[in-house]
Amino acid sequence: MLGLNPLDSSVRATQIPGLDVMPAAGQLAGAEIELIDLERREHRLAESLAAPGNDARHRWTIVLIDCPPSLGLVTLNALVAVDAVLVPLQAEFLALEGIGALGNTIERVKKRLNPKLHIFGVVLTMVDRRMTLSQQVVADVRAHYGELVFGTTIPRNVRIAEAPSHGMPVLIYDNACAGSQAYILLASEFIRRRRLAAEQAIVP
């Protein structure tokens, strides 16, 4: 975002074919301050990813940008750079307030900075079907957001929590656990939704 490194020097290959990552560096914590005085500060990430030699849209089929939970300049840059937002929502009541604020922010960004921006879907995470509270939140979210909510939910799962401490995604750490199986189903549903959206876009 600050123009200090080309894309190639920041991207890392993974042991998963076709998957590259760009891990955050410690300097990202200071990016909010660095961006304040820059021209077109909300567009820095979008312009960087589209710059000659950095054309991310031609290099990868899908680019996922993981955002911090705050709505600062770093997150705003991501919202300007992407076409759609995938919202992970914990099955807790306080998270419902957060998604309302995010929805308002997305609408403002869409009007002023990125007309293509929209919510692609909502993914319910850390769902505990044994708890009445969790089930009620799931029901409320589905009632309010309808088809935007993915059918697949991600359960509370100790193997998901353990995987980062081993430096692995849960699909490699324990492919057979309930969390991994849920993410596999989520990926399949994500791909189906993208195909359907693409088909609808070309229908006259």
C-alpha atoms as a PDB file:
ATOM      1  CA  MET A   1       0.000   0.000   0.000  1.00  0.00           C
ATOM      2  CA  LEU A   2       2.898   2.355   0.615  1.00  0.00           C
ATOM      3  CA  GLY A   3       4.714   1.428  -2.605  1.00  0.00           C
ATOM      4  CA  LEU A   4       7.807   0.142  -0.820  1.00  0.00           C
ATOM      5  CA  ASN A   5       7.775  -3.431  -2.197  1.00  0.00           C
ATOM      6  CA  PRO A   6       6.621  -5.057  -5.439  1.00  0.00           C
ATOM      7  CA  LEU A   7       4.015  -7.817  -5.215  1.00  0.00           C
ATOM      8  CA  ASP A   8       6.463 -10.623  -6.018  1.00  0.00           C
ATOM      9  CA  SER A   9       8.667  -9.834  -3.037  1.00  0.00           C
ATOM     10  CA  SER A  10       5.696 -10.063  -0.670  1.00  0.00           C
ATOM     11  CA  VAL A  11       3.948 -13.205  -1.957  1.00  0.00           C
ATOM     12  CA  ARG A  12       4.834 -16.616  -0.537  1.00  0.00           C
ATOM     13  CA  ALA A  13       4.052 -19.991  -2.096  1.00  0.00           C
ATOM     14  CA  THR A  14       2.366 -22.639   0.053  1.00  0.00           C
ATOM     15  CA  GLN A  15       2.329 -26.432   0.078  1.00  0.00           C
ATOM     16  CA  ILE A  16      -1.194 -26.273  -1.357  1.00  0.00           C
ATOM     17  CA  PRO A  17      -1.068 -26.195  -5.202  1.00  0.00           C
ATOM     18  CA  GLY A  18      -2.483 -22.986  -6.640  1.00  0.00           C
ATOM     19  CA  LEU A  19      -2.545 -21.184  -3.291  1.00  0.00           C
ATOM     20  CA  ASP A  20      -0.214 -18.272  -2.565  1.00  0.00           C
ATOM     21  CA  VAL A  21      -0.321 -16.016   0.489  1.00  0.00           C
ATOM     22  CA  MET A  22       0.857 -12.537   1.346  1.00  0.00           C
ATOM     23  CA  PRO A  23       1.387 -12.558   5.113  1.00  0.00           C
ATOM     24  CA  ALA A  24       1.114  -9.317   7.037  1.00  0.00           C
ATOM     25  CA  ALA A  25       4.315  -7.815   8.384  1.00  0.00           C
ATOM     26  CA  GLY A  26       4.740  -6.049  11.692  1.00  0.00           C
ATOM     27  CA  GLN A  27       4.892  -2.710   9.852  1.00  0.00           C
ATOM     28  CA  LEU A  28       1.219  -3.067   8.961  1.00  0.00           C
ATOM     29  CA  ALA A  29       0.402  -1.874  12.467  1.00  0.00           C
ATOM     30  CA  GLY A  30       1.741   1.552  11.516  1.00  0.00           C
ATOM     31  CA  ALA A  31       0.028   1.702   8.136  1.00  0.00           C
ATOM     32  CA  GLU A  32      -2.964   3.600   9.498  1.00  0.00           C
ATOM     33  CA  ILE A  33      -0.697   6.502  10.465  1.00  0.00           C
ATOM     34  CA  GLU A  34       1.383   6.326   7.270  1.00  0.00           C
ATOM     35  CA  LEU A  35      -1.711   6.451   5.063  1.00  0.00           C
ATOM     36  CA  ILE A  36      -3.263   9.545   6.640  1.00  0.00           C
ATOM     37  CA  ASP A  37      -1.166  12.078   4.710  1.00  0.00           C
ATOM     38  CA  LEU A  38      -0.994  10.239   1.369  1.00  0.00           C
ATOM     39  CA  GLU A  39      -2.939  11.272  -1.735  1.00  0.00           C
ATOM     40  CA  ARG A  40      -5.829   8.959  -2.664  1.00  0.00           C
ATOM     41  CA  ARG A  41      -5.224   7.157   0.598  1.00  0.00           C
ATOM     42  CA  GLU A  42      -8.371   5.015   0.266  1.00  0.00           C
ATOM     43  CA  HIS A  43      -7.227   3.713  -3.160  1.00  0.00           C
ATOM     44  CA  ARG A  44      -3.649   2.728  -2.344  1.00  0.00           C
ATOM     45  CA  LEU A  45      -4.258  -1.025  -2.207  1.00  0.00           C
ATOM     46  CA  ALA A  46      -6.479  -1.112  -5.314  1.00  0.00           C
ATOM     47  CA  GLU A  47      -3.955   0.883  -7.344  1.00  0.00           C
ATOM     48  CA  SER A  48      -1.040  -1.208  -6.094  1.00  0.00           C
ATOM     49  CA  LEU A  49      -2.710  -4.513  -7.004  1.00  0.00           C
ATOM     50  CA  ALA A  50      -3.490  -3.183 -10.502  1.00  0.00           C
ATOM     51  CA  ALA A  51      -0.063  -1.597 -11.132  1.00  0.00           C
ATOM     52  CA  PRO A  52       2.133  -2.905 -14.001  1.00  0.00           C
ATOM     53  CA  GLY A  53       3.832  -6.091 -12.838  1.00  0.00           C
ATOM     54  CA  ASN A  54       1.427  -6.444  -9.933  1.00  0.00           C
ATOM     55  CA  ASP A  55      -1.791  -7.278 -11.799  1.00  0.00           C
ATOM     56  CA  ALA A  56      -3.408  -9.541  -9.220  1.00  0.00           C
ATOM     57  CA  ARG A  57      -6.659 -10.025 -11.178  1.00  0.00           C
ATOM     58  CA  HIS A  58      -4.812 -11.714 -14.035  1.00  0.00           C
ATOM     59  CA  ARG A  59      -2.445 -13.653 -11.809  1.00  0.00           C
ATOM     60  CA  TRP A  60      -5.043 -15.320  -9.576  1.00  0.00           C
ATOM     61  CA  THR A  61      -8.605 -16.513 -10.150  1.00  0.00           C
ATOM     62  CA  ILE A  62      -9.680 -15.381  -6.674  1.00  0.00           C
ATOM     63  CA  VAL A  63      -7.979 -12.976  -4.284  1.00  0.00           C
ATOM     64  CA  LEU A  64      -9.135 -13.071  -0.664  1.00  0.00           C
ATOM     65  CA  ILE A  65      -8.132 -10.132   1.533  1.00  0.00           C
ATOM     66  CA  ASP A  66      -8.382 -10.870   5.243  1.00  0.00           C
ATOM     67  CA  CYS A  67      -9.248  -7.684   7.115  1.00  0.00           C
ATOM     68  CA  PRO A  68      -8.780  -6.643  10.725  1.00  0.00           C
ATOM     69  CA  PRO A  69     -12.011  -6.321  12.741  1.00  0.00           C
ATOM     70  CA  SER A  70     -11.670  -2.538  12.939  1.00  0.00           C
ATOM     71  CA  LEU A  71     -12.986  -0.163  10.262  1.00  0.00           C
ATOM     72  CA  GLY A  72      -9.814   1.884   9.804  1.00  0.00           C
ATOM     73  CA  LEU A  73      -7.901   2.952   6.688  1.00  0.00           C
ATOM     74  CA  VAL A  74      -6.458  -0.529   6.113  1.00  0.00           C
ATOM     75  CA  THR A  75      -9.917  -2.097   6.008  1.00  0.00           C
ATOM     76  CA  LEU A  76     -11.213   0.805   3.921  1.00  0.00           C
ATOM     77  CA  ASN A  77      -8.446   0.181   1.376  1.00  0.00           C
ATOM     78  CA  ALA A  78      -9.555  -3.445   1.157  1.00  0.00           C
ATOM     79  CA  LEU A  79     -13.186  -2.455   0.621  1.00  0.00           C
ATOM     80  CA  VAL A  80     -12.165  -0.158  -2.234  1.00  0.00           C
ATOM     81  CA  ALA A  81      -9.974  -2.852  -3.815  1.00  0.00           C
ATOM     82  CA  VAL A  82     -12.448  -5.757  -3.848  1.00  0.00           C
ATOM     83  CA  ASP A  83     -15.673  -6.545  -5.691  1.00  0.00           C
ATOM     84  CA  ALA A  84     -17.448  -8.298  -2.839  1.00  0.00           C
ATOM     85  CA  VAL A  85     -17.338  -8.909   0.895  1.00  0.00           C
ATOM     86  CA  LEU A  86     -17.558 -12.305   2.594  1.00  0.00           C
ATOM     87  CA  VAL A  87     -18.591 -11.731   6.212  1.00  0.00           C
ATOM     88  CA  PRO A  88     -17.609 -14.294   8.874  1.00  0.00           C
ATOM     89  CA  LEU A  89     -20.044 -13.914  11.767  1.00  0.00           C
ATOM     90  CA  GLN A  90     -19.618 -15.562  15.151  1.00  0.00           C
ATOM     91  CA  ALA A  91     -22.827 -17.073  16.467  1.00  0.00           C
ATOM     92  CA  GLU A  92     -23.039 -14.563  19.321  1.00  0.00           C
ATOM     93  CA  PHE A  93     -25.423 -11.637  19.849  1.00  0.00           C
ATOM     94  CA  LEU A  94     -22.703  -8.980  20.049  1.00  0.00           C
ATOM     95  CA  ALA A  95     -21.545  -9.992  16.564  1.00  0.00           C
ATOM     96  CA  LEU A  96     -24.984  -9.051  15.207  1.00  0.00           C
ATOM     97  CA  GLU A  97     -24.368  -5.409  16.097  1.00  0.00           C
ATOM     98  CA  GLY A  98     -21.045  -5.516  14.273  1.00  0.00           C
ATOM     99  CA  ILE A  99     -22.524  -6.798  11.025  1.00  0.00           C
ATOM    100  CA  GLY A 100     -25.079  -3.984  11.099  1.00  0.00           C
ATOM    101  CA  ALA A 101     -22.302  -1.397  11.328  1.00  0.00           C
ATOM    102  CA  LEU A 102     -20.361  -3.178   8.575  1.00  0.00           C
ATOM    103  CA  GLY A 103     -23.399  -3.116   6.308  1.00  0.00           C
ATOM    104  CA  ASN A 104     -23.715   0.646   6.735  1.00  0.00           C
ATOM    105  CA  THR A 105     -20.012   1.104   5.988  1.00  0.00           C
ATOM    106  CA  ILE A 106     -20.259  -1.019   2.838  1.00  0.00           C
ATOM    107  CA  GLU A 107     -23.159   1.090   1.581  1.00  0.00           C
ATOM    108  CA  ARG A 108     -21.192   4.315   2.134  1.00  0.00           C
ATOM    109  CA  VAL A 109     -18.111   2.914   0.391  1.00  0.00           C
ATOM    110  CA  LYS A 110     -20.287   1.717  -2.500  1.00  0.00           C
ATOM    111  CA  LYS A 111     -21.799   5.168  -3.001  1.00  0.00           C
ATOM    112  CA  ARG A 112     -18.579   7.161  -2.737  1.00  0.00           C
ATOM    113  CA  LEU A 113     -15.604   4.978  -3.626  1.00  0.00           C
ATOM    114  CA  ASN A 114     -16.436   1.567  -5.127  1.00  0.00           C
ATOM    115  CA  PRO A 115     -19.748   1.118  -7.011  1.00  0.00           C
ATOM    116  CA  LYS A 116     -19.096  -2.628  -7.519  1.00  0.00           C
ATOM    117  CA  LEU A 117     -18.946  -3.404  -3.815  1.00  0.00           C
ATOM    118  CA  HIS A 118     -21.579  -5.722  -2.348  1.00  0.00           C
ATOM    119  CA  ILE A 119     -21.959  -8.411   0.300  1.00  0.00           C
ATOM    120  CA  PHE A 120     -21.365 -11.779  -1.341  1.00  0.00           C
ATOM    121  CA  GLY A 121     -22.446 -13.761   1.686  1.00  0.00           C
ATOM    122  CA  VAL A 122     -22.438 -14.263   5.441  1.00  0.00           C
ATOM    123  CA  VAL A 123     -20.706 -17.284   6.992  1.00  0.00           C
ATOM    124  CA  LEU A 124     -21.745 -18.335  10.479  1.00  0.00           C
ATOM    125  CA  THR A 125     -18.720 -19.423  12.506  1.00  0.00           C
ATOM    126  CA  MET A 126     -18.049 -20.880  15.965  1.00  0.00           C
ATOM    127  CA  VAL A 127     -21.528 -22.417  15.957  1.00  0.00           C
ATOM    128  CA  ASP A 128     -22.296 -24.664  18.926  1.00  0.00           C
ATOM    129  CA  ARG A 129     -25.509 -26.535  18.181  1.00  0.00           C
ATOM    130  CA  ARG A 130     -25.696 -27.715  21.789  1.00  0.00           C
ATOM    131  CA  MET A 131     -26.319 -24.155  22.971  1.00  0.00           C
ATOM    132  CA  THR A 132     -29.759 -22.605  22.631  1.00  0.00           C
ATOM    133  CA  LEU A 133     -28.167 -19.145  22.336  1.00  0.00           C
ATOM    134  CA  SER A 134     -26.077 -20.209  19.354  1.00  0.00           C
ATOM    135  CA  GLN A 135     -29.086 -21.754  17.625  1.00  0.00           C
ATOM    136  CA  GLN A 136     -31.127 -18.601  18.221  1.00  0.00           C
ATOM    137  CA  VAL A 137     -28.445 -16.368  16.714  1.00  0.00           C
ATOM    138  CA  VAL A 138     -28.235 -18.635  13.660  1.00  0.00           C
ATOM    139  CA  ALA A 139     -32.017 -18.453  13.241  1.00  0.00           C
ATOM    140  CA  ASP A 140     -32.047 -14.647  13.649  1.00  0.00           C
ATOM    141  CA  VAL A 141     -29.266 -14.144  11.087  1.00  0.00           C
ATOM    142  CA  ARG A 142     -30.983 -16.396   8.541  1.00  0.00           C
ATOM    143  CA  ALA A 143     -34.301 -14.615   9.105  1.00  0.00           C
ATOM    144  CA  HIS A 144     -32.708 -11.179   8.609  1.00  0.00           C
ATOM    145  CA  TYR A 145     -30.238 -11.830   5.780  1.00  0.00           C
ATOM    146  CA  GLY A 146     -32.017 -14.674   3.984  1.00  0.00           C
ATOM    147  CA  GLU A 147     -30.155 -16.126   1.004  1.00  0.00           C
ATOM    148  CA  LEU A 148     -27.042 -14.103   1.773  1.00  0.00           C
ATOM    149  CA  VAL A 149     -26.308 -16.549   4.601  1.00  0.00           C
ATOM    150  CA  PHE A 150     -24.361 -19.630   3.518  1.00  0.00           C
ATOM    151  CA  GLY A 151     -26.028 -22.955   4.240  1.00  0.00           C
ATOM    152  CA  THR A 152     -22.738 -24.298   5.588  1.00  0.00           C
ATOM    153  CA  THR A 153     -21.823 -23.305   9.139  1.00  0.00           C
ATOM    154  CA  ILE A 154     -18.439 -23.632  10.836  1.00  0.00           C
ATOM    155  CA  PRO A 155     -18.666 -25.373  14.218  1.00  0.00           C
ATOM    156  CA  ARG A 156     -16.671 -24.699  17.351  1.00  0.00           C
ATOM    157  CA  ASN A 157     -13.818 -27.163  16.979  1.00  0.00           C
ATOM    158  CA  VAL A 158     -10.661 -27.573  19.029  1.00  0.00           C
ATOM    159  CA  ARG A 159      -8.635 -28.675  15.988  1.00  0.00           C
ATOM    160  CA  ILE A 160      -9.351 -25.348  14.258  1.00  0.00           C
ATOM    161  CA  ALA A 161      -8.042 -23.548  17.337  1.00  0.00           C
ATOM    162  CA  GLU A 162      -4.928 -25.740  17.516  1.00  0.00           C
ATOM    163  CA  ALA A 163      -3.904 -25.485  13.842  1.00  0.00           C
ATOM    164  CA  PRO A 164      -2.410 -21.937  13.896  1.00  0.00           C
ATOM    165  CA  SER A 165      -0.070 -22.827  16.764  1.00  0.00           C
ATOM    166  CA  HIS A 166       1.407 -25.495  14.472  1.00  0.00           C
ATOM    167  CA  GLY A 167       1.729 -23.069  11.562  1.00  0.00           C
ATOM    168  CA  MET A 168      -0.770 -24.989   9.440  1.00  0.00           C
ATOM    169  CA  PRO A 169      -4.242 -24.489   8.026  1.00  0.00           C
ATOM    170  CA  VAL A 170      -6.672 -26.881   9.673  1.00  0.00           C
ATOM    171  CA  LEU A 171      -7.158 -28.760   6.383  1.00  0.00           C
ATOM    172  CA  ILE A 172      -3.550 -29.941   6.587  1.00  0.00           C
ATOM    173  CA  TYR A 173      -3.351 -30.177  10.373  1.00  0.00           C
ATOM    174  CA  ASP A 174      -6.355 -32.523  10.589  1.00  0.00           C
ATOM    175  CA  ASN A 175      -8.259 -33.069   7.364  1.00  0.00           C
ATOM    176  CA  ALA A 176     -10.780 -35.417   8.980  1.00  0.00           C
ATOM    177  CA  CYS A 177     -11.936 -33.210  11.859  1.00  0.00           C
ATOM    178  CA  ALA A 178     -15.384 -31.604  11.867  1.00  0.00           C
ATOM    179  CA  GLY A 179     -13.912 -28.135  11.294  1.00  0.00           C
ATOM    180  CA  SER A 180     -12.001 -29.190   8.186  1.00  0.00           C
ATOM    181  CA  GLN A 181     -14.996 -30.982   6.741  1.00  0.00           C
ATOM    182  CA  ALA A 182     -17.119 -27.874   7.298  1.00  0.00           C
ATOM    183  CA  TYR A 183     -14.580 -25.664   5.487  1.00  0.00           C
ATOM    184  CA  ILE A 184     -14.508 -28.116   2.571  1.00  0.00           C
ATOM    185  CA  LEU A 185     -18.298 -27.861   2.296  1.00  0.00           C
ATOM    186  CA  LEU A 186     -18.066 -24.063   2.579  1.00  0.00           C
ATOM    187  CA  ALA A 187     -15.531 -23.925  -0.260  1.00  0.00           C
ATOM    188  CA  SER A 188     -17.827 -26.023  -2.459  1.00  0.00           C
ATOM    189  CA  GLU A 189     -20.779 -23.757  -1.692  1.00  0.00           C
ATOM    190  CA  PHE A 190     -18.640 -20.673  -2.380  1.00  0.00           C
ATOM    191  CA  ILE A 191     -17.641 -22.040  -5.795  1.00  0.00           C
ATOM    192  CA  ARG A 192     -21.262 -22.866  -6.672  1.00  0.00           C
ATOM    193  CA  ARG A 193     -22.375 -19.355  -5.732  1.00  0.00           C
ATOM    194  CA  ARG A 194     -19.642 -17.774  -7.857  1.00  0.00           C
ATOM    195  CA  ARG A 195     -20.623 -19.881 -10.864  1.00  0.00           C
ATOM    196  CA  LEU A 196     -24.278 -18.996 -10.419  1.00  0.00           C
ATOM    197  CA  ALA A 197     -23.453 -15.288 -10.100  1.00  0.00           C
ATOM    198  CA  ALA A 198     -21.334 -15.465 -13.270  1.00  0.00           C
ATOM    199  CA  GLU A 199     -24.130 -17.201 -15.180  1.00  0.00           C
ATOM    200  CA  GLN A 200     -26.697 -14.642 -14.067  1.00  0.00           C
ATOM    201  CA  ALA A 201     -24.375 -11.805 -15.074  1.00  0.00           C
ATOM    202  CA  ILE A 202     -24.277 -12.934 -18.718  1.00  0.00           C
ATOM    203  CA  VAL A 203     -28.018 -13.561 -19.037  1.00  0.00           C
ATOM    204  CA  PRO A 204     -29.568 -10.685 -21.066  1.00  0.00           C
END
